[in-house]
Amino acid sequence: MSHETKPHFLLAEVTNEITPILSYSYMAVLVPVFLLTDFLRYKPILIVQSISHVIIWLLLIFGTNIISMQFMEFFYGVTMAARVAYSSYIFSLVSPARYQRVASYSRSSVLMGVFTSCILGQLCVSIGGVPFLTLNYISLGFVSFGLILALFLRRPKRSLFFNRISPECNGGLSSELKKMNLDDDKMRDIPAYNLKSGGWRNSAFVQMLKQLVNFVKLPQLRLWSLWWIFNSAGYYLILYFVQILWHEVYPAGQSQHVYNGGVDAGSTLLGAIAAFGAGYIKINWKLWAHLMIGVITALQAGLLYLMNSTNNIWLCYASYILFRSSYQFLVPIAIFQIAASLTKELCALVFGINTFLATVLKSIITLVVADKRVLGLSVHPQFYVYFTYFTILAVAYLGAAVYVLTTHHCKQRREGTTQNELWNQEKEIPKKNLTFDEDGIKA
């Protein structure tokens, strides 16, 4: 969603008073929405999300003061938090054997929706000369139609945590999971508790929280979860404030030469290609993950510095496209590395916790850096802060990569030395057996 800078709103008001509300509201509603989504079985939250979308565009069209724009950002935070309802709902309708294909269809449809809307918006502005206000009316029509569709969605009978099917009725689910080649240990990890029968202490949600204590010890799970928390916090801060930066670099207003929609379309398409290509990379992630993350994070830091220091809007656009696609490249790798050792239910919980912690971190940074009640920095100093943030992350990842690679090399040398000693001992054994004393008697 573009943050409209209306003529009667100062850039400082948009930067330091309006936009920060998005991070705060997202953090405030994320956990309640996550739990209510499962408890209410998805559909009610999908309807709430659609209503929030309608309210957003009504406020964008008719809002005339800072308070109305802050409420607009609040409802935008609600819609972002409610995305978990869509991603969970679609899985509740199909058998586990089809999860991978459904995930592909779901992700593709979202990306195509973003790409199509960006292209259409850009064409309307650049070729048709359509005012931004008219684009908001068009968007209001689309989200209203989405609300009508949400009302007719089928409500599932089960969900992940609070509406689990009972163990005695779980035969169908078990057979489907076997089709996915899950081993017996992972099958046993799947909780089949029901909140109504065992109380909250025996609920699936509480039991899985206890299981997570053991999974935190897994190095790959810990690494990619930390990447998810720290890098996604920085990534979304850039997404929230980048259009304000573009307006500073090229204050075109209602000009037909504004290409923000085309840039969003290009970054979405390139990000989708990068995410698709990541699925075909076959390396030893236990050995090279830190280095890969460190190099890409260093690249992102460099792109942020270039984006913030240039006066050329096209160079700023290009830096943003590369920044966004580099993040999208690592997302499917992180999802796979986290999901490799977890059941679907635990995956949902881990991703929920990671997203919540990232949102808390993002809100803290927003409060300190952007909120007018603390530092209240303008957009250019903010981006220097974000550049420093990604630089520190890159140094930490690269330092960890040096440690991992050095430890691996030393371990290989020790194992090689041990193997050589064993080989030399085996060579010496027959010589010892063939020694003779002075009388020619074998020793």
Protein backbone atom coordinates (compact mmCIF):
# COMPACT_ATOMS: atom_id res chain seq x y z
CA MET A 1 0.00 0.00 0.00
CA SER A 2 1.31 3.43 -0.84
CA HIS A 3 1.35 6.06 1.89
CA GLU A 4 -0.33 9.05 0.28
CA THR A 5 1.33 12.34 1.16
CA LYS A 6 -1.67 14.66 0.89
CA PRO A 7 -1.05 18.36 0.25
CA HIS A 8 -2.12 19.39 3.76
CA PHE A 9 0.15 16.86 5.50
CA LEU A 10 3.75 17.87 6.05
CA LEU A 11 6.41 15.29 5.25
CA ALA A 12 7.55 15.39 8.87
CA GLU A 13 4.00 14.55 10.01
CA VAL A 14 3.84 11.55 7.68
CA THR A 15 7.31 10.37 8.75
CA ASN A 16 7.17 10.94 12.51
CA GLU A 17 3.46 10.88 13.46
CA ILE A 18 1.47 8.81 10.96
CA THR A 19 3.67 5.98 9.63
CA PRO A 20 5.00 4.79 13.06
CA ILE A 21 1.44 3.84 14.09
CA LEU A 22 1.60 0.92 11.66
CA SER A 23 4.38 -0.83 13.60
CA TYR A 24 2.68 -0.24 16.96
CA SER A 25 -0.72 -1.51 15.85
CA TYR A 26 0.75 -4.55 14.12
CA MET A 27 2.59 -5.51 17.30
CA ALA A 28 -0.48 -4.92 19.49
CA VAL A 29 -2.88 -7.11 17.50
CA LEU A 30 -0.55 -9.82 16.16
CA VAL A 31 -0.79 -12.29 19.06
CA PRO A 32 -4.55 -11.89 19.68
CA VAL A 33 -5.23 -12.29 15.96
CA PHE A 34 -2.92 -15.33 15.79
CA LEU A 35 -4.81 -17.08 18.60
CA LEU A 36 -8.30 -15.96 17.57
CA THR A 37 -7.67 -17.07 14.00
CA ASP A 38 -7.27 -20.66 15.14
CA PHE A 39 -9.93 -20.55 17.86
CA LEU A 40 -12.59 -19.03 15.57
CA ARG A 41 -11.56 -21.22 12.61
CA TYR A 42 -10.25 -18.60 10.19
CA LYS A 43 -13.35 -17.23 8.47
CA PRO A 44 -14.31 -14.54 11.04
CA ILE A 45 -10.76 -13.15 10.96
CA LEU A 46 -10.80 -13.14 7.15
CA ILE A 47 -13.99 -11.08 7.28
CA VAL A 48 -12.41 -8.70 9.83
CA GLN A 49 -9.40 -8.34 7.53
CA SER A 50 -11.66 -7.49 4.58
CA ILE A 51 -13.60 -4.94 6.64
CA SER A 52 -10.30 -3.38 7.72
CA HIS A 53 -9.27 -3.08 4.08
CA VAL A 54 -12.48 -1.21 3.30
CA ILE A 55 -11.98 1.11 6.29
CA ILE A 56 -8.39 1.84 5.17
CA TRP A 57 -9.47 3.16 1.80
CA LEU A 58 -12.43 5.05 3.21
CA LEU A 59 -10.02 6.86 5.53
CA LEU A 60 -7.56 7.46 2.69
CA ILE A 61 -10.33 9.02 0.61
CA PHE A 62 -12.26 10.98 3.23
CA GLY A 63 -9.70 11.47 6.02
CA THR A 64 -8.67 15.08 6.46
CA ASN A 65 -6.51 15.16 9.60
CA ILE A 66 -3.64 13.35 11.29
CA ILE A 67 -5.95 11.37 13.59
CA SER A 68 -7.81 9.82 10.64
CA MET A 69 -4.50 8.86 9.01
CA GLN A 70 -3.28 7.30 12.25
CA PHE A 71 -6.48 5.24 12.39
CA MET A 72 -5.82 4.26 8.78
CA GLU A 73 -2.38 2.94 9.79
CA PHE A 74 -3.95 1.11 12.74
CA PHE A 75 -6.34 -0.78 10.48
CA TYR A 76 -3.49 -1.47 8.07
CA GLY A 77 -1.70 -3.14 10.99
CA VAL A 78 -4.82 -5.26 11.58
CA THR A 79 -4.87 -6.39 7.94
CA MET A 80 -1.18 -7.33 8.09
CA ALA A 81 -1.65 -9.34 11.29
CA ALA A 82 -4.69 -11.09 9.79
CA ARG A 83 -2.64 -12.45 6.89
CA VAL A 84 -2.02 -15.50 9.06
CA ALA A 85 -5.73 -16.30 8.70
CA TYR A 86 -5.45 -16.51 4.92
CA SER A 87 -2.30 -18.66 4.93
CA SER A 88 -3.75 -21.01 7.56
CA TYR A 89 -7.25 -21.16 6.08
CA ILE A 90 -6.10 -22.43 2.71
CA PHE A 91 -4.26 -25.36 4.35
CA SER A 92 -7.27 -26.34 6.44
CA LEU A 93 -9.26 -27.16 3.30
CA VAL A 94 -6.91 -29.75 1.77
CA SER A 95 -5.16 -32.94 2.82
CA PRO A 96 -1.55 -32.72 4.08
CA ALA A 97 -0.27 -34.52 0.98
CA ARG A 98 -1.21 -31.43 -1.07
CA TYR A 99 0.31 -28.80 1.22
CA GLN A 100 3.36 -28.14 -0.96
CA ARG A 101 1.28 -27.58 -4.10
CA VAL A 102 -1.24 -25.42 -2.25
CA ALA A 103 1.58 -23.34 -0.77
CA SER A 104 2.92 -22.76 -4.28
CA TYR A 105 -0.51 -21.71 -5.60
CA SER A 106 -1.13 -19.44 -2.61
CA ARG A 107 2.22 -17.66 -2.85
CA SER A 108 1.92 -17.30 -6.63
CA SER A 109 -1.55 -15.78 -6.38
CA VAL A 110 -0.41 -13.20 -3.81
CA LEU A 111 2.61 -12.20 -5.89
CA MET A 112 0.54 -12.01 -9.07
CA GLY A 113 -2.01 -9.83 -7.28
CA VAL A 114 0.68 -7.42 -6.11
CA PHE A 115 2.37 -7.40 -9.51
CA THR A 116 -0.89 -6.82 -11.41
CA SER A 117 -2.06 -4.01 -9.13
CA CYS A 118 1.30 -2.24 -9.35
CA ILE A 119 1.38 -2.46 -13.15
CA LEU A 120 -2.23 -1.27 -13.53
CA GLY A 121 -1.67 1.61 -11.12
CA GLN A 122 1.48 2.68 -12.91
CA LEU A 123 -0.21 2.56 -16.32
CA CYS A 124 -3.17 4.57 -15.03
CA VAL A 125 -0.88 7.30 -13.70
CA SER A 126 1.75 7.39 -16.47
CA ILE A 127 -0.42 6.84 -19.55
CA GLY A 128 -3.97 7.67 -18.47
CA GLY A 129 -3.10 10.60 -16.21
CA VAL A 130 -5.41 9.22 -13.53
CA PRO A 131 -5.20 11.16 -10.22
CA PHE A 132 -4.09 9.27 -7.11
CA LEU A 133 -7.49 9.92 -5.49
CA THR A 134 -9.19 8.06 -8.35
CA LEU A 135 -6.84 5.12 -7.80
CA ASN A 136 -8.02 5.03 -4.18
CA TYR A 137 -11.65 4.82 -5.35
CA ILE A 138 -10.70 1.91 -7.65
CA SER A 139 -8.91 0.18 -4.77
CA LEU A 140 -11.98 0.69 -2.56
CA GLY A 141 -14.08 -1.11 -5.17
CA PHE A 142 -11.72 -4.09 -5.29
CA VAL A 143 -11.46 -4.50 -1.50
CA SER A 144 -15.26 -4.19 -1.19
CA PHE A 145 -15.61 -7.03 -3.68
CA GLY A 146 -13.09 -9.00 -1.60
CA LEU A 147 -15.29 -8.49 1.46
CA ILE A 148 -18.28 -9.94 -0.41
CA LEU A 149 -16.22 -12.98 -1.39
CA ALA A 150 -15.06 -13.47 2.23
CA LEU A 151 -18.70 -13.68 3.39
CA PHE A 152 -19.26 -16.74 1.19
CA LEU A 153 -16.13 -18.68 2.20
CA ARG A 154 -16.68 -22.08 3.77
CA ARG A 155 -15.78 -22.29 7.46
CA PRO A 156 -13.48 -25.27 8.23
CA LYS A 157 -14.39 -27.75 10.94
CA ARG A 158 -10.85 -28.04 12.31
CA SER A 159 -7.80 -25.87 12.90
CA LEU A 160 -4.25 -26.32 14.16
CA PHE A 161 -4.34 -25.70 17.91
CA PHE A 162 -7.77 -25.33 19.50
CA ASN A 163 -9.94 -27.37 17.14
CA ARG A 164 -7.85 -30.47 16.58
CA ILE A 165 -9.49 -33.68 15.43
CA SER A 166 -9.51 -36.37 18.10
CA PRO A 167 -6.88 -39.16 18.11
CA GLU A 168 -9.42 -41.86 17.35
CA CYS A 169 -10.50 -39.97 14.24
CA ASN A 170 -6.93 -39.24 13.18
CA GLY A 171 -6.45 -42.23 10.92
CA GLY A 172 -7.11 -40.29 7.76
CA LEU A 173 -4.67 -37.62 8.76
CA SER A 174 -1.98 -40.15 9.65
CA SER A 175 -2.29 -41.89 6.31
CA GLU A 176 -1.99 -38.56 4.51
CA LEU A 177 1.09 -37.65 6.53
CA LYS A 178 2.68 -40.97 5.61
CA LYS A 179 2.27 -40.00 1.96
CA MET A 180 4.52 -37.04 2.74
CA ASN A 181 7.24 -39.50 3.91
CA LEU A 182 7.30 -38.24 7.48
CA ASP A 183 9.16 -40.62 9.78
CA ASP A 184 7.67 -42.17 12.89
CA ASP A 185 9.48 -39.82 15.26
CA LYS A 186 8.02 -36.76 13.54
CA MET A 187 4.59 -38.40 13.49
CA ARG A 188 4.78 -38.82 17.24
CA ASP A 189 5.66 -35.14 17.62
CA ILE A 190 2.27 -34.11 16.21
CA PRO A 191 -0.01 -33.26 19.13
CA ALA A 192 -3.57 -34.46 18.94
CA TYR A 193 -5.00 -32.82 22.01
CA ASN A 194 -8.34 -31.14 22.20
CA LEU A 195 -8.91 -28.10 24.35
CA LYS A 196 -12.37 -29.21 25.36
CA SER A 197 -11.34 -32.67 26.58
CA GLY A 198 -8.10 -31.93 28.44
CA GLY A 199 -8.20 -28.36 29.66
CA TRP A 200 -5.78 -25.64 28.75
CA ARG A 201 -2.77 -27.41 30.36
CA ASN A 202 -3.18 -30.32 27.96
CA SER A 203 -4.06 -28.21 24.93
CA ALA A 204 -1.98 -28.62 21.80
CA PHE A 205 -0.82 -25.01 22.06
CA VAL A 206 0.63 -25.42 25.56
CA GLN A 207 2.19 -28.79 24.73
CA MET A 208 3.90 -27.37 21.66
CA LEU A 209 5.26 -24.45 23.64
CA LYS A 210 6.94 -27.01 25.90
CA GLN A 211 8.36 -28.85 22.89
CA LEU A 212 9.89 -25.66 21.52
CA VAL A 213 12.31 -25.55 24.45
CA ASN A 214 14.09 -28.58 22.99
CA PHE A 215 13.96 -27.36 19.39
CA VAL A 216 15.67 -24.08 20.29
CA LYS A 217 18.88 -26.08 20.79
CA LEU A 218 19.02 -26.96 17.06
CA PRO A 219 21.72 -24.73 15.47
CA GLN A 220 20.01 -24.30 12.08
CA LEU A 221 16.63 -23.55 13.63
CA ARG A 222 18.26 -21.00 15.93
CA LEU A 223 20.25 -19.34 13.12
CA TRP A 224 17.38 -18.96 10.66
CA SER A 225 14.97 -17.85 13.38
CA LEU A 226 17.39 -15.10 14.39
CA TRP A 227 17.73 -14.12 10.74
CA TRP A 228 13.95 -13.98 10.45
CA ILE A 229 13.65 -11.76 13.52
CA PHE A 230 16.46 -9.28 12.87
CA ASN A 231 16.49 -9.04 9.08
CA SER A 232 12.73 -8.99 8.57
CA ALA A 233 12.44 -6.19 11.14
CA GLY A 234 14.87 -4.11 9.12
CA TYR A 235 13.30 -5.14 5.82
CA TYR A 236 9.83 -3.96 6.76
CA LEU A 237 11.15 -0.70 8.16
CA ILE A 238 12.59 0.00 4.72
CA LEU A 239 9.28 -0.90 3.06
CA TYR A 240 7.36 1.44 5.38
CA PHE A 241 9.56 4.48 4.82
CA VAL A 242 11.01 4.03 1.33
CA GLN A 243 8.27 5.96 -0.47
CA ILE A 244 8.90 8.92 1.82
CA LEU A 245 12.56 8.69 0.78
CA TRP A 246 11.55 8.64 -2.90
CA HIS A 247 9.45 11.74 -2.35
CA GLU A 248 12.49 13.46 -0.83
CA VAL A 249 14.73 12.45 -3.74
CA TYR A 250 12.13 13.24 -6.42
CA PRO A 251 9.21 15.34 -5.08
CA ALA A 252 6.98 14.94 -8.14
CA GLY A 253 3.58 15.11 -6.42
CA GLN A 254 0.84 14.25 -8.91
CA SER A 255 3.31 14.07 -11.81
CA GLN A 256 2.89 11.40 -14.46
CA HIS A 257 6.63 10.74 -14.13
CA VAL A 258 6.26 9.01 -10.76
CA TYR A 259 7.14 5.34 -11.24
CA ASN A 260 6.68 4.00 -7.70
CA GLY A 261 4.09 1.46 -8.86
CA GLY A 262 6.38 0.15 -11.59
CA VAL A 263 9.22 -0.18 -9.10
CA ASP A 264 7.00 -2.16 -6.72
CA ALA A 265 5.96 -4.37 -9.64
CA GLY A 266 9.56 -4.91 -10.73
CA SER A 267 10.77 -5.68 -7.21
CA THR A 268 7.88 -8.11 -6.68
CA LEU A 269 8.60 -9.92 -9.94
CA LEU A 270 12.36 -10.09 -9.34
CA GLY A 271 11.72 -11.20 -5.75
CA ALA A 272 9.48 -14.01 -7.01
CA ILE A 273 12.18 -15.11 -9.46
CA ALA A 274 14.81 -15.00 -6.71
CA ALA A 275 12.58 -17.00 -4.35
CA PHE A 276 11.94 -19.56 -7.10
CA GLY A 277 15.65 -19.87 -7.88
CA ALA A 278 16.51 -20.36 -4.20
CA GLY A 279 14.70 -23.69 -4.29
CA TYR A 280 17.30 -25.09 -6.68
CA ILE A 281 20.40 -24.21 -4.65
CA LYS A 282 22.01 -27.35 -3.22
CA ILE A 283 24.80 -26.62 -0.75
CA ASN A 284 25.78 -27.71 2.75
CA TRP A 285 23.72 -25.14 4.66
CA LYS A 286 25.16 -26.18 8.02
CA LEU A 287 28.57 -25.07 6.77
CA TRP A 288 27.79 -22.16 4.43
CA ALA A 289 24.58 -20.62 5.85
CA HIS A 290 26.35 -17.98 7.97
CA LEU A 291 28.52 -16.91 5.04
CA MET A 292 25.56 -16.74 2.64
CA ILE A 293 23.49 -14.67 5.08
CA GLY A 294 26.48 -12.44 5.88
CA VAL A 295 27.28 -11.68 2.23
CA ILE A 296 23.66 -10.90 1.35
CA THR A 297 23.21 -8.73 4.46
CA ALA A 298 26.40 -6.83 3.59
CA LEU A 299 25.01 -6.32 0.08
CA GLN A 300 21.78 -4.98 1.57
CA ALA A 301 23.73 -2.56 3.77
CA GLY A 302 25.58 -1.26 0.72
CA LEU A 303 22.34 -0.86 -1.21
CA LEU A 304 20.80 1.12 1.66
CA TYR A 305 23.78 3.47 1.74
CA LEU A 306 23.55 3.97 -2.03
CA MET A 307 19.78 4.45 -1.86
CA ASN A 308 20.11 7.12 0.80
CA SER A 309 23.12 9.00 -0.58
CA THR A 310 22.16 9.31 -4.26
CA ASN A 311 20.20 12.16 -5.81
CA ASN A 312 19.29 10.02 -8.83
CA ILE A 313 15.80 8.56 -8.41
CA TRP A 314 16.53 5.74 -10.87
CA LEU A 315 19.57 4.63 -8.91
CA CYS A 316 17.42 4.80 -5.78
CA TYR A 317 14.78 2.66 -7.48
CA ALA A 318 17.36 0.08 -8.65
CA SER A 319 18.88 -0.18 -5.17
CA TYR A 320 15.46 -0.81 -3.67
CA ILE A 321 14.62 -3.53 -6.22
CA LEU A 322 17.88 -5.37 -5.49
CA PHE A 323 17.42 -4.91 -1.72
CA ARG A 324 13.93 -6.36 -1.77
CA SER A 325 14.77 -9.28 -4.09
CA SER A 326 17.81 -10.26 -1.99
CA TYR A 327 15.54 -10.58 1.05
CA GLN A 328 12.97 -12.59 -0.91
CA PHE A 329 15.79 -14.90 -2.05
CA LEU A 330 16.50 -15.96 1.54
CA VAL A 331 12.87 -16.26 2.68
CA PRO A 332 12.11 -19.70 1.13
CA ILE A 333 15.50 -21.00 2.31
CA ALA A 334 14.68 -19.88 5.86
CA ILE A 335 11.22 -21.46 5.64
CA PHE A 336 12.68 -24.77 4.47
CA GLN A 337 15.49 -24.79 7.06
CA ILE A 338 13.06 -24.06 9.90
CA ALA A 339 10.40 -26.48 8.65
CA ALA A 340 12.85 -29.33 7.98
CA SER A 341 12.87 -30.48 11.60
CA LEU A 342 9.37 -29.44 12.70
CA THR A 343 5.81 -30.55 12.20
CA LYS A 344 3.34 -28.23 10.48
CA GLU A 345 1.82 -27.22 13.81
CA LEU A 346 5.19 -26.38 15.33
CA CYS A 347 6.16 -24.52 12.15
CA ALA A 348 3.12 -22.30 12.50
CA LEU A 349 4.01 -21.62 16.14
CA VAL A 350 7.69 -20.92 15.40
CA PHE A 351 6.86 -18.57 12.53
CA GLY A 352 4.28 -16.85 14.71
CA ILE A 353 6.79 -16.32 17.53
CA ASN A 354 9.51 -15.17 15.10
CA THR A 355 7.12 -12.72 13.46
CA PHE A 356 5.99 -11.36 16.83
CA LEU A 357 9.58 -10.84 18.04
CA ALA A 358 10.47 -9.16 14.73
CA THR A 359 7.45 -6.89 15.14
CA VAL A 360 8.47 -5.98 18.71
CA LEU A 361 12.00 -5.15 17.52
CA LYS A 362 10.63 -3.14 14.59
CA SER A 363 8.32 -1.20 16.92
CA ILE A 364 11.18 -0.40 19.33
CA ILE A 365 13.35 0.90 16.48
CA THR A 366 10.42 2.92 15.10
CA LEU A 367 9.73 4.41 18.53
CA VAL A 368 13.35 5.44 19.09
CA VAL A 369 14.24 6.55 15.56
CA ALA A 370 11.05 7.79 13.89
CA ASP A 371 8.57 8.76 16.59
CA LYS A 372 8.51 12.49 17.26
CA ARG A 373 8.32 11.80 21.01
CA VAL A 374 11.89 10.43 20.98
CA LEU A 375 14.44 11.22 18.23
CA GLY A 376 11.93 11.99 15.48
CA LEU A 377 14.54 11.79 12.73
CA SER A 378 13.72 12.79 9.17
CA VAL A 379 13.88 10.10 6.50
CA HIS A 380 17.54 10.51 5.40
CA PRO A 381 19.03 10.20 8.93
CA GLN A 382 16.67 7.27 9.50
CA PHE A 383 18.10 5.42 6.52
CA TYR A 384 21.64 5.97 7.83
CA VAL A 385 20.48 4.30 11.04
CA TYR A 386 19.08 1.38 9.03
CA PHE A 387 22.35 1.18 7.08
CA THR A 388 24.26 0.94 10.37
CA TYR A 389 21.80 -1.70 11.61
CA PHE A 390 22.36 -3.94 8.56
CA THR A 391 26.12 -3.35 8.72
CA ILE A 392 26.23 -4.59 12.32
CA LEU A 393 24.19 -7.64 11.32
CA ALA A 394 26.52 -8.35 8.38
CA VAL A 395 29.61 -8.14 10.61
CA ALA A 396 28.00 -10.50 13.14
CA TYR A 397 27.04 -13.04 10.46
CA LEU A 398 30.43 -12.91 8.74
CA GLY A 399 32.20 -13.26 12.09
CA ALA A 400 30.08 -16.32 12.86
CA ALA A 401 30.89 -17.66 9.36
CA VAL A 402 34.64 -17.33 10.03
CA TYR A 403 34.20 -19.21 13.31
CA VAL A 404 32.12 -22.00 11.72
CA LEU A 405 34.49 -22.45 8.76
CA THR A 406 37.59 -22.37 10.99
CA THR A 407 36.07 -24.90 13.38
CA HIS A 408 35.11 -27.13 10.45
CA HIS A 409 38.63 -26.89 8.97
CA CYS A 410 40.28 -27.71 12.31
CA LYS A 411 37.92 -30.64 12.80
CA GLN A 412 38.78 -31.97 9.35
CA ARG A 413 42.51 -31.65 10.10
CA ARG A 414 42.10 -33.53 13.39
CA GLU A 415 40.11 -36.25 11.68
CA GLY A 416 42.72 -36.42 8.90
CA THR A 417 45.54 -36.69 11.44
CA THR A 418 43.68 -39.40 13.33
CA GLN A 419 43.09 -41.36 10.12
CA ASN A 420 46.78 -41.07 9.18
CA GLU A 421 47.83 -42.34 12.61
CA LEU A 422 45.48 -45.30 12.29
CA TRP A 423 46.80 -46.04 8.80
CA ASN A 424 50.42 -45.91 10.03
CA GLN A 425 49.59 -48.21 12.92
CA GLU A 426 48.04 -50.70 10.52
CA LYS A 427 51.22 -50.59 8.40
CA GLU A 428 53.42 -51.22 11.45
CA ILE A 429 51.44 -54.23 12.71
CA PRO A 430 52.71 -56.78 10.12
CA LYS A 431 56.32 -55.60 10.60
CA LYS A 432 56.04 -56.25 14.30
CA ASN A 433 54.64 -59.74 13.70
CA LEU A 434 57.49 -60.62 11.36
CA THR A 435 60.39 -59.78 13.74
CA PHE A 436 62.72 -62.64 14.82
CA ASP A 437 65.08 -63.14 17.75
CA GLU A 438 68.75 -64.11 17.45
CA ASP A 439 67.92 -67.83 17.13
CA GLY A 440 65.58 -67.23 14.23
CA ILE A 441 62.50 -67.84 16.30
CA LYS A 442 59.57 -65.56 15.50
CA ALA A 443 59.00 -63.10 18.26
